[in-house]
PDB file of N, CA and C in Angstrom:
ATOM      1  N   MET A   1       0.818  -1.190   0.000  1.00  0.00           N
ATOM      2  CA  MET A   1       0.000   0.000   0.000  1.00  0.00           C
ATOM      3  C   MET A   1       0.867   1.262   0.000  1.00  0.00           C
ATOM      4  N   LYS A   2       1.936   1.251   0.816  1.00  0.00           N
ATOM      5  CA  LYS A   2       2.823   2.409   0.860  1.00  0.00           C
ATOM      6  C   LYS A   2       3.503   2.628  -0.484  1.00  0.00           C
ATOM      7  N   ARG A   3       3.814   1.541  -1.164  1.00  0.00           N
ATOM      8  CA  ARG A   3       4.475   1.650  -2.463  1.00  0.00           C
ATOM      9  C   ARG A   3       3.542   2.309  -3.481  1.00  0.00           C
ATOM     10  N   ILE A   4       2.274   1.923  -3.445  1.00  0.00           N
ATOM     11  CA  ILE A   4       1.292   2.507  -4.360  1.00  0.00           C
ATOM     12  C   ILE A   4       1.139   3.995  -4.068  1.00  0.00           C
ATOM     13  N   LEU A   5       1.051   4.349  -2.786  1.00  0.00           N
ATOM     14  CA  LEU A   5       0.928   5.744  -2.405  1.00  0.00           C
ATOM     15  C   LEU A   5       2.142   6.545  -2.871  1.00  0.00           C
ATOM     16  N   ALA A   6       3.318   5.983  -2.717  1.00  0.00           N
ATOM     17  CA  ALA A   6       4.535   6.677  -3.157  1.00  0.00           C
ATOM     18  C   ALA A   6       4.523   6.888  -4.662  1.00  0.00           C
ATOM     19  N   VAL A   7       4.073   5.909  -5.420  1.00  0.00           N
ATOM     20  CA  VAL A   7       4.004   6.042  -6.879  1.00  0.00           C
ATOM     21  C   VAL A   7       2.989   7.116  -7.265  1.00  0.00           C
ATOM     22  N   VAL A   8       1.849   7.118  -6.593  1.00  0.00           N
ATOM     23  CA  VAL A   8       0.824   8.129  -6.878  1.00  0.00           C
ATOM     24  C   VAL A   8       1.353   9.519  -6.559  1.00  0.00           C
ATOM     25  N   MET A   9       2.001   9.665  -5.414  1.00  0.00           N
ATOM     26  CA  MET A   9       2.548  10.968  -5.035  1.00  0.00           C
ATOM     27  C   MET A   9       3.625  11.427  -6.021  1.00  0.00           C
ATOM     28  N   LEU A  10       4.467  10.509  -6.434  1.00  0.00           N
ATOM     29  CA  LEU A  10       5.507  10.853  -7.398  1.00  0.00           C
ATOM     30  C   LEU A  10       4.896  11.266  -8.730  1.00  0.00           C
ATOM     31  N   SER A  11       3.854  10.585  -9.153  1.00  0.00           N
ATOM     32  CA  SER A  11       3.177  10.932 -10.403  1.00  0.00           C
ATOM     33  C   SER A  11       2.551  12.322 -10.316  1.00  0.00           C
ATOM     34  N   LEU A  12       1.869  12.596  -9.205  1.00  0.00           N
ATOM     35  CA  LEU A  12       1.269  13.916  -9.025  1.00  0.00           C
ATOM     36  C   LEU A  12       2.328  15.005  -8.985  1.00  0.00           C
ATOM     37  N   PHE A  13       3.422  14.713  -8.314  1.00  0.00           N
ATOM     38  CA  PHE A  13       4.528  15.659  -8.239  1.00  0.00           C
ATOM     39  C   PHE A  13       5.077  15.953  -9.628  1.00  0.00           C
ATOM     40  N   THR A  14       5.258  14.910 -10.429  1.00  0.00           N
ATOM     41  CA  THR A  14       5.788  15.079 -11.781  1.00  0.00           C
ATOM     42  C   THR A  14       4.858  15.929 -12.632  1.00  0.00           C
ATOM     43  N   LEU A  15       3.564  15.650 -12.562  1.00  0.00           N
ATOM     44  CA  LEU A  15       2.603  16.455 -13.309  1.00  0.00           C
ATOM     45  C   LEU A  15       2.618  17.906 -12.849  1.00  0.00           C
ATOM     46  N   SER A  16       2.714  18.099 -11.542  1.00  0.00           N
ATOM     47  CA  SER A  16       2.769  19.445 -10.988  1.00  0.00           C
ATOM     48  C   SER A  16       4.020  20.175 -11.469  1.00  0.00           C
ATOM     49  N   LEU A  17       5.121  19.473 -11.462  1.00  0.00           N
ATOM     50  CA  LEU A  17       6.388  20.069 -11.889  1.00  0.00           C
ATOM     51  C   LEU A  17       6.329  20.473 -13.358  1.00  0.00           C
ATOM     52  N   LEU A  18       5.778  19.628 -14.189  1.00  0.00           N
ATOM     53  CA  LEU A  18       5.727  19.906 -15.614  1.00  0.00           C
ATOM     54  C   LEU A  18       4.751  21.023 -15.962  1.00  0.00           C
ATOM     55  N   SER A  19       3.678  21.138 -15.203  1.00  0.00           N
ATOM     56  CA  SER A  19       2.659  22.113 -15.559  1.00  0.00           C
ATOM     57  C   SER A  19       2.731  23.422 -14.786  1.00  0.00           C
ATOM     58  N   GLY A  20       3.330  23.393 -13.596  1.00  0.00           N
ATOM     59  CA  GLY A  20       3.174  24.549 -12.727  1.00  0.00           C
ATOM     60  C   GLY A  20       4.358  25.444 -12.500  1.00  0.00           C
ATOM     61  N   CYS A  21       5.572  25.000 -12.689  1.00  0.00           N
ATOM     62  CA  CYS A  21       6.687  25.857 -12.301  1.00  0.00           C
ATOM     63  C   CYS A  21       7.313  26.504 -13.528  1.00  0.00           C
ATOM     64  N   ASN A  22       7.479  27.813 -13.436  1.00  0.00           N
ATOM     65  CA  ASN A  22       8.052  28.561 -14.553  1.00  0.00           C
ATOM     66  C   ASN A  22       9.453  29.061 -14.251  1.00  0.00           C
ATOM     67  N   THR A  23       9.894  28.890 -13.030  1.00  0.00           N
ATOM     68  CA  THR A  23      11.225  29.375 -12.661  1.00  0.00           C
ATOM     69  C   THR A  23      11.999  28.269 -11.961  1.00  0.00           C
ATOM     70  N   MET A  24      13.298  28.431 -11.861  1.00  0.00           N
ATOM     71  CA  MET A  24      14.124  27.453 -11.159  1.00  0.00           C
ATOM     72  C   MET A  24      13.765  27.411  -9.674  1.00  0.00           C
ATOM     73  N   ARG A  25      13.435  28.561  -9.107  1.00  0.00           N
ATOM     74  CA  ARG A  25      13.035  28.590  -7.696  1.00  0.00           C
ATOM     75  C   ARG A  25      11.760  27.778  -7.506  1.00  0.00           C
ATOM     76  N   GLY A  26      10.804  27.948  -8.388  1.00  0.00           N
ATOM     77  CA  GLY A  26       9.556  27.188  -8.319  1.00  0.00           C
ATOM     78  C   GLY A  26       9.815  25.700  -8.480  1.00  0.00           C
ATOM     79  N   ALA A  27      10.720  25.342  -9.364  1.00  0.00           N
ATOM     80  CA  ALA A  27      11.056  23.926  -9.562  1.00  0.00           C
ATOM     81  C   ALA A  27      11.676  23.347  -8.297  1.00  0.00           C
ATOM     82  N   GLY A  28      12.552  24.093  -7.666  1.00  0.00           N
ATOM     83  CA  GLY A  28      13.177  23.628  -6.428  1.00  0.00           C
ATOM     84  C   GLY A  28      12.163  23.419  -5.318  1.00  0.00           C
ATOM     85  N   GLU A  29      11.210  24.335  -5.218  1.00  0.00           N
ATOM     86  CA  GLU A  29      10.167  24.197  -4.199  1.00  0.00           C
ATOM     87  C   GLU A  29       9.293  22.981  -4.488  1.00  0.00           C
ATOM     88  N   ASP A  30       8.952  22.781  -5.756  1.00  0.00           N
ATOM     89  CA  ASP A  30       8.138  21.621  -6.128  1.00  0.00           C
ATOM     90  C   ASP A  30       8.861  20.319  -5.824  1.00  0.00           C
ATOM     91  N   ILE A  31      10.144  20.262  -6.130  1.00  0.00           N
ATOM     92  CA  ILE A  31      10.923  19.055  -5.870  1.00  0.00           C
ATOM     93  C   ILE A  31      10.991  18.788  -4.365  1.00  0.00           C
ATOM     94  N   GLU A  32      11.200  19.838  -3.599  1.00  0.00           N
ATOM     95  CA  GLU A  32      11.268  19.679  -2.144  1.00  0.00           C
ATOM     96  C   GLU A  32       9.935  19.183  -1.586  1.00  0.00           C
ATOM     97  N   GLU A  33       8.833  19.745  -2.047  1.00  0.00           N
ATOM     98  CA  GLU A  33       7.517  19.318  -1.573  1.00  0.00           C
ATOM     99  C   GLU A  33       7.240  17.862  -1.948  1.00  0.00           C
ATOM    100  N   GLY A  34       7.631  17.482  -3.150  1.00  0.00           N
ATOM    101  CA  GLY A  34       7.450  16.094  -3.566  1.00  0.00           C
ATOM    102  C   GLY A  34       8.254  15.134  -2.722  1.00  0.00           C
ATOM    103  N   GLY A  35       9.493  15.501  -2.413  1.00  0.00           N
ATOM    104  CA  GLY A  35      10.341  14.666  -1.563  1.00  0.00           C
ATOM    105  C   GLY A  35       9.768  14.524  -0.164  1.00  0.00           C
ATOM    106  N   GLU A  36       9.249  15.618   0.371  1.00  0.00           N
ATOM    107  CA  GLU A  36       8.651  15.559   1.704  1.00  0.00           C
ATOM    108  C   GLU A  36       7.410  14.681   1.702  1.00  0.00           C
ATOM    109  N   ALA A  37       6.609  14.760   0.652  1.00  0.00           N
ATOM    110  CA  ALA A  37       5.403  13.920   0.569  1.00  0.00           C
ATOM    111  C   ALA A  37       5.780  12.444   0.519  1.00  0.00           C
ATOM    112  N   ILE A  38       6.817  12.122  -0.211  1.00  0.00           N
ATOM    113  CA  ILE A  38       7.265  10.725  -0.285  1.00  0.00           C
ATOM    114  C   ILE A  38       7.776  10.265   1.072  1.00  0.00           C
ATOM    115  N   GLN A  39       8.529  11.128   1.748  1.00  0.00           N
ATOM    116  CA  GLN A  39       9.010  10.780   3.089  1.00  0.00           C
ATOM    117  C   GLN A  39       7.852  10.533   4.051  1.00  0.00           C
ATOM    118  N   ARG A  40       6.840  11.385   3.997  1.00  0.00           N
ATOM    119  CA  ARG A  40       5.684  11.223   4.884  1.00  0.00           C
ATOM    120  C   ARG A  40       4.951   9.916   4.579  1.00  0.00           C
ATOM    121  N   SER A  41       4.917   9.516   3.331  1.00  0.00           N
ATOM    122  CA  SER A  41       4.175   8.306   2.958  1.00  0.00           C
ATOM    123  C   SER A  41       4.883   7.031   3.394  1.00  0.00           C
ATOM    124  N   THR A  42       6.171   7.128   3.725  1.00  0.00           N
ATOM    125  CA  THR A  42       6.912   5.915   4.115  1.00  0.00           C
ATOM    126  C   THR A  42       6.866   5.657   5.613  1.00  0.00           C
ATOM    127  N   TYR A  43       6.309   6.573   6.394  1.00  0.00           N
ATOM    128  CA  TYR A  43       6.244   6.369   7.854  1.00  0.00           C
ATOM    129  C   TYR A  43       5.195   5.398   8.235  1.00  0.00           C
TER     130      TYR A  43
END
């Protein structure tokens, strides 16, 4: 179940990154948020 959640979160993060960030700062924030979401899903 955790693996599925991690895949879903990574997919959402990727879509968000591709569609939402127009600057390097925005990309860095998106990557950080995605990493934190994956970390939270593994607890």
